[in-house]
Protein backbone atom coordinates (compact mmCIF):
# COMPACT_ATOMS: atom_id res chain seq x y z
CA UNK A 1 9.32 10.33 16.76
CA UNK A 2 5.84 9.84 15.33
CA UNK A 3 3.06 11.68 13.57
CA UNK A 4 -0.33 11.67 15.29
CA UNK A 5 -3.42 11.66 13.06
CA UNK A 6 -5.73 11.80 16.08
CA UNK A 7 -5.57 11.08 19.80
CA UNK A 8 -5.39 7.31 19.36
CA UNK A 9 -3.41 6.75 16.15
CA UNK A 10 0.36 7.14 16.04
CA UNK A 11 2.32 6.36 12.89
CA UNK A 12 6.06 6.62 12.16
CA UNK A 13 7.30 9.69 10.35
CA UNK A 14 8.57 9.49 6.79
CA UNK A 15 12.13 9.65 8.11
CA UNK A 16 11.61 6.21 9.65
CA UNK A 17 10.13 4.76 6.47
CA UNK A 18 12.72 5.77 3.84
CA UNK A 19 15.48 3.35 2.88
CA UNK A 20 18.51 4.31 0.78
CA UNK A 21 20.40 1.66 -1.21
CA UNK A 22 23.69 3.24 -2.28
CA UNK A 23 24.70 0.21 -4.34
CA UNK A 24 21.55 0.20 -6.48
CA UNK A 25 21.23 3.99 -6.22
CA UNK A 26 17.59 3.75 -5.16
CA UNK A 27 15.39 5.25 -2.46
CA UNK A 28 12.53 3.10 -1.22
CA UNK A 29 9.49 4.26 0.74
CA UNK A 30 7.61 1.59 2.68
CA UNK A 31 4.56 2.00 4.93
CA UNK A 32 4.14 -1.63 5.90
CA UNK A 33 4.29 -0.92 9.64
CA UNK A 34 1.77 1.91 9.27
CA UNK A 35 -0.71 -0.41 7.56
CA UNK A 36 -0.23 -3.11 10.17
CA UNK A 37 -0.78 -0.53 12.92
CA UNK A 38 -3.95 0.64 11.16
CA UNK A 39 -5.33 -2.92 11.21
CA UNK A 40 -4.67 -3.16 14.95
CA UNK A 41 -6.10 0.26 15.84
CA UNK A 42 -9.34 -0.32 13.90
CA UNK A 43 -9.65 -4.01 14.87
CA UNK A 44 -9.72 -5.11 11.23
CA UNK A 45 -9.25 -8.82 10.65
CA UNK A 46 -7.29 -9.58 7.43
CA UNK A 47 -9.60 -12.42 6.35
CA UNK A 48 -9.17 -13.93 2.90
CA UNK A 49 -6.67 -12.49 0.44
CA UNK A 50 -7.98 -9.43 -1.45
CA UNK A 51 -6.08 -8.45 -4.60
CA UNK A 52 -8.21 -5.51 -5.83
CA UNK A 53 -9.01 -2.29 -3.96
CA UNK A 54 -12.68 -2.29 -4.95
CA UNK A 55 -15.21 -4.42 -6.74
CA UNK A 56 -15.28 -3.83 -10.48
CA UNK A 57 -17.84 -1.28 -11.74
CA UNK A 58 -19.03 -0.58 -8.19
CA UNK A 59 -21.63 2.20 -8.03
CA UNK A 60 -22.67 3.18 -4.51
CA UNK A 61 -25.89 5.18 -3.91
CA UNK A 62 -25.42 8.45 -2.03
CA UNK A 63 -28.39 7.74 0.24
CA UNK A 64 -28.90 4.76 2.51
CA UNK A 65 -31.01 2.02 0.97
CA UNK A 66 -34.62 1.88 2.12
CA UNK A 67 -34.35 -1.83 2.96
CA UNK A 68 -31.42 -1.35 5.36
CA UNK A 69 -31.93 -3.26 8.59
CA UNK A 70 -31.60 -1.84 12.10
CA UNK A 71 -28.41 -3.84 12.57
CA UNK A 72 -26.91 -2.26 9.45
CA UNK A 73 -27.87 1.25 10.57
CA UNK A 74 -26.35 0.61 13.99
CA UNK A 75 -23.18 -0.66 12.27
CA UNK A 76 -22.93 2.58 10.26
CA UNK A 77 -23.53 4.72 13.36
CA UNK A 78 -20.58 3.11 15.15
CA UNK A 79 -18.27 2.84 12.14
CA UNK A 80 -15.20 5.18 12.33
CA UNK A 81 -15.62 6.25 8.72
CA UNK A 82 -13.89 9.63 8.79
CA UNK A 83 -10.97 8.37 10.86
CA UNK A 84 -10.33 5.45 8.53
CA UNK A 85 -10.66 7.70 5.47
CA UNK A 86 -8.04 10.03 6.95
CA UNK A 87 -5.58 7.22 7.64
CA UNK A 88 -5.90 5.78 4.11
CA UNK A 89 -5.53 9.26 2.58
CA UNK A 90 -2.27 9.60 4.53
CA UNK A 91 -1.08 6.28 3.09
CA UNK A 92 -2.21 7.27 -0.39
CA UNK A 93 -0.44 10.64 -0.35
CA UNK A 94 2.83 9.16 0.89
CA UNK A 95 3.34 5.94 -1.02
CA UNK A 96 0.17 4.30 -2.39
CA UNK A 97 -0.94 5.83 -5.70
CA UNK A 98 -2.79 2.60 -6.53
CA UNK A 99 -5.69 3.57 -4.22
CA UNK A 100 -6.03 7.18 -5.39
CA UNK A 101 -9.27 6.62 -7.28
CA UNK A 102 -10.86 4.46 -4.62
CA UNK A 103 -10.17 6.68 -1.61
CA UNK A 104 -11.25 9.76 -3.59
CA UNK A 105 -14.51 8.01 -4.49
CA UNK A 106 -15.24 6.82 -0.95
CA UNK A 107 -14.36 10.18 0.64
CA UNK A 108 -17.55 11.73 -0.74
CA UNK A 109 -19.49 9.70 1.86
CA UNK A 110 -17.73 11.44 4.77
CA UNK A 111 -20.73 13.54 5.77
CA UNK A 112 -23.25 10.72 5.53
CA UNK A 113 -21.76 7.21 5.29
CA UNK A 114 -23.91 4.34 4.09
CA UNK A 115 -23.68 0.66 4.91
CA UNK A 116 -22.35 -0.21 1.45
CA UNK A 117 -19.77 2.60 1.64
CA UNK A 118 -18.57 1.30 5.02
CA UNK A 119 -18.18 -2.20 3.61
CA UNK A 120 -16.27 -0.87 0.60
CA UNK A 121 -13.93 1.13 2.86
CA UNK A 122 -13.39 -1.94 5.05
CA UNK A 123 -12.46 -3.92 1.94
CA UNK A 124 -10.02 -1.19 0.86
CA UNK A 125 -8.27 -1.37 4.24
CA UNK A 126 -7.93 -5.15 3.85
CA UNK A 127 -6.50 -4.68 0.36
CA UNK A 128 -3.85 -2.37 1.76
CA UNK A 129 -2.96 -4.98 4.35
CA UNK A 130 -2.61 -7.79 1.82
CA UNK A 131 -0.41 -5.55 -0.35
CA UNK A 132 1.46 -3.95 2.55
CA UNK A 133 4.83 -5.14 1.24
CA UNK A 134 4.46 -2.96 -1.88
CA UNK A 135 7.10 -0.21 -1.89
CA UNK A 136 7.61 3.03 -3.75
CA UNK A 137 10.95 3.03 -5.58
CA UNK A 138 12.82 6.10 -6.79
CA UNK A 139 16.04 6.16 -8.77
CA UNK A 140 17.76 3.08 -10.16
CA UNK A 141 18.70 2.40 -13.75
CA UNK A 142 16.56 4.97 -15.54
CA UNK A 143 17.19 5.42 -19.26
CA UNK A 144 17.33 9.17 -18.93
CA UNK A 145 16.19 12.17 -16.85
CA UNK A 146 12.65 11.95 -18.19
CA UNK A 147 9.66 13.49 -16.50
CA UNK A 148 6.68 11.50 -17.78
CA UNK A 149 3.05 12.52 -17.24
CA UNK A 150 0.21 10.02 -17.53
CA UNK A 151 -3.23 11.67 -17.59
CA UNK A 152 -6.74 10.40 -18.23
CA UNK A 153 -10.41 10.89 -17.38
CA UNK A 154 -13.59 8.83 -17.42
CA UNK A 155 -16.14 10.91 -19.29
CA UNK A 156 -19.38 11.11 -17.30
CA UNK A 157 -18.17 8.49 -14.85
CA UNK A 158 -20.27 9.79 -11.96
CA UNK A 159 -23.79 8.46 -12.52
CA UNK A 160 -25.25 10.93 -10.02
CA UNK A 161 -23.85 14.20 -11.43
CA UNK A 162 -22.57 13.04 -14.87
CA UNK A 163 -19.23 14.64 -13.99
CA UNK A 164 -15.94 13.10 -15.05
CA UNK A 165 -13.03 12.07 -12.85
CA UNK A 166 -9.46 13.14 -13.59
CA UNK A 167 -6.40 11.07 -12.83
CA UNK A 168 -2.71 11.79 -13.17
CA UNK A 169 0.60 10.25 -12.18
CA UNK A 170 4.00 11.81 -12.84
CA UNK A 171 7.21 9.81 -13.10
CA UNK A 172 10.75 11.07 -12.74
CA UNK A 173 12.91 8.41 -14.32
CA UNK A 174 11.58 5.06 -13.09
CA UNK A 175 9.74 6.33 -10.01
CA UNK A 176 6.39 8.05 -9.45
CA UNK A 177 6.72 11.35 -7.59
CA UNK A 178 3.22 12.89 -7.79
CA UNK A 179 -0.32 11.65 -8.45
CA UNK A 180 -3.97 12.53 -7.91
CA UNK A 181 -7.51 11.38 -8.67
CA UNK A 182 -10.37 13.82 -8.24
CA UNK A 183 -13.82 14.67 -9.56
CA UNK A 184 -13.94 17.47 -12.10
CA UNK A 185 -15.83 20.60 -11.00
CA UNK A 186 -17.51 21.18 -14.38
CA UNK A 187 -19.63 18.71 -16.34
CA UNK A 188 -17.77 17.93 -19.56
CA UNK A 189 -19.84 17.81 -22.76
CA UNK A 190 -17.44 15.51 -24.64
CA UNK A 191 -14.60 13.10 -24.08
CA UNK A 192 -12.20 15.69 -25.50
CA UNK A 193 -13.32 18.28 -22.95
CA UNK A 194 -12.99 15.84 -20.05
CA UNK A 195 -9.52 14.77 -21.23
CA UNK A 196 -8.46 18.41 -21.55
CA UNK A 197 -9.71 19.27 -18.05
CA UNK A 198 -7.71 16.32 -16.72
CA UNK A 199 -4.58 17.33 -18.61
CA UNK A 200 -4.48 20.98 -17.49
CA UNK A 201 -3.84 20.38 -13.75
CA UNK A 202 -1.42 17.60 -14.71
CA UNK A 203 0.68 20.03 -16.74
CA UNK A 204 0.45 22.64 -13.98
CA UNK A 205 1.78 20.14 -11.46
CA UNK A 206 4.52 19.11 -13.87
CA UNK A 207 5.65 22.71 -14.40
CA UNK A 208 5.91 23.21 -10.65
CA UNK A 209 8.04 20.06 -10.36
CA UNK A 210 10.28 21.18 -13.23
CA UNK A 211 10.92 24.50 -11.48
CA UNK A 212 12.11 22.59 -8.42
CA UNK A 213 14.34 20.39 -10.56
CA UNK A 214 15.83 23.43 -12.30
CA UNK A 215 16.61 25.03 -8.95
CA UNK A 216 18.45 21.81 -8.08
CA UNK A 217 20.22 22.01 -11.47
CA UNK A 218 18.74 18.69 -12.61
CA UNK A 219 17.98 18.83 -16.36
CA UNK A 220 14.94 16.83 -17.43
CA UNK A 221 13.01 16.01 -20.56
CA UNK A 222 9.23 15.96 -20.65
CA UNK A 223 6.80 13.62 -22.35
CA UNK A 224 3.04 13.27 -21.93
CA UNK A 225 0.93 10.12 -22.33
CA UNK A 226 -2.74 9.32 -21.99
CA UNK A 227 -3.59 5.89 -20.58
CA UNK A 228 -6.40 4.39 -18.53
CA UNK A 229 -5.47 5.69 -15.09
CA UNK A 230 -8.78 6.65 -13.54
CA UNK A 231 -9.43 3.25 -11.99
CA UNK A 232 -5.94 1.75 -12.23
CA UNK A 233 -3.45 4.42 -11.12
CA UNK A 234 -0.84 2.07 -9.68
CA UNK A 235 2.82 2.59 -10.37
CA UNK A 236 3.37 -0.76 -12.06
CA UNK A 237 0.44 -0.38 -14.52
CA UNK A 238 1.41 2.98 -15.96
CA UNK A 239 4.16 2.19 -18.47
CA UNK A 240 1.74 1.41 -21.31
CA UNK A 241 2.09 2.83 -24.78
CA UNK A 242 5.04 4.82 -26.04
CA UNK A 243 5.77 8.51 -26.33
CA UNK A 244 8.48 10.75 -27.66
CA UNK A 245 10.12 13.09 -25.12
CA UNK A 246 10.33 16.83 -25.61
CA UNK A 247 13.36 18.79 -24.45
CA UNK A 248 13.03 21.74 -22.09
């Protein structure tokens, strides 16, 4: 059984990607085969090893550069930008929180891709391939039934609109269960305002998760942290700082 993102792409369902280790009491989600299939379907060559999803401090113009060559414009016209964005979003939603910021940033070029945006998306696909063995782990030897929220924003991070970007990742025990990175709809006038606008949807998502846990009769404790997540929202970079849990 497979899930079809379009007429040409067929990926395994989540049921085929989940592994349960009863001895370690963990559930692992791996999308290695999906990423390898993506490379084949889009004819992407792995090339040299890429260890970061995007170049540091990359700022892409919304419009095509005036000095773009005819070859570059032809490359953009034939580039399957929307299809590749959709595939990477699928990977991000299922098991790859580390590319949340990058795919959210590149998705704004869907209507009118540029040559630099295409190259950045190509690089992101290569990064996923070189890190395809990364897995999402749930369960294990957690210290307690803690639900931990990490939330942050980059005040005025968008140089075009001066809007901030929110980021959040929620852990249950040792494993991440929900995450997002998105541009705020209102222009924040201070760092406090941008942090608050990032925290509100994070708490809303957490309350929804807690309702589900209560229905399953799983008691949890809640704690909230603020760390630099906007550009580095990967699961293994989020346990920074300390916080005191609050009981339900």
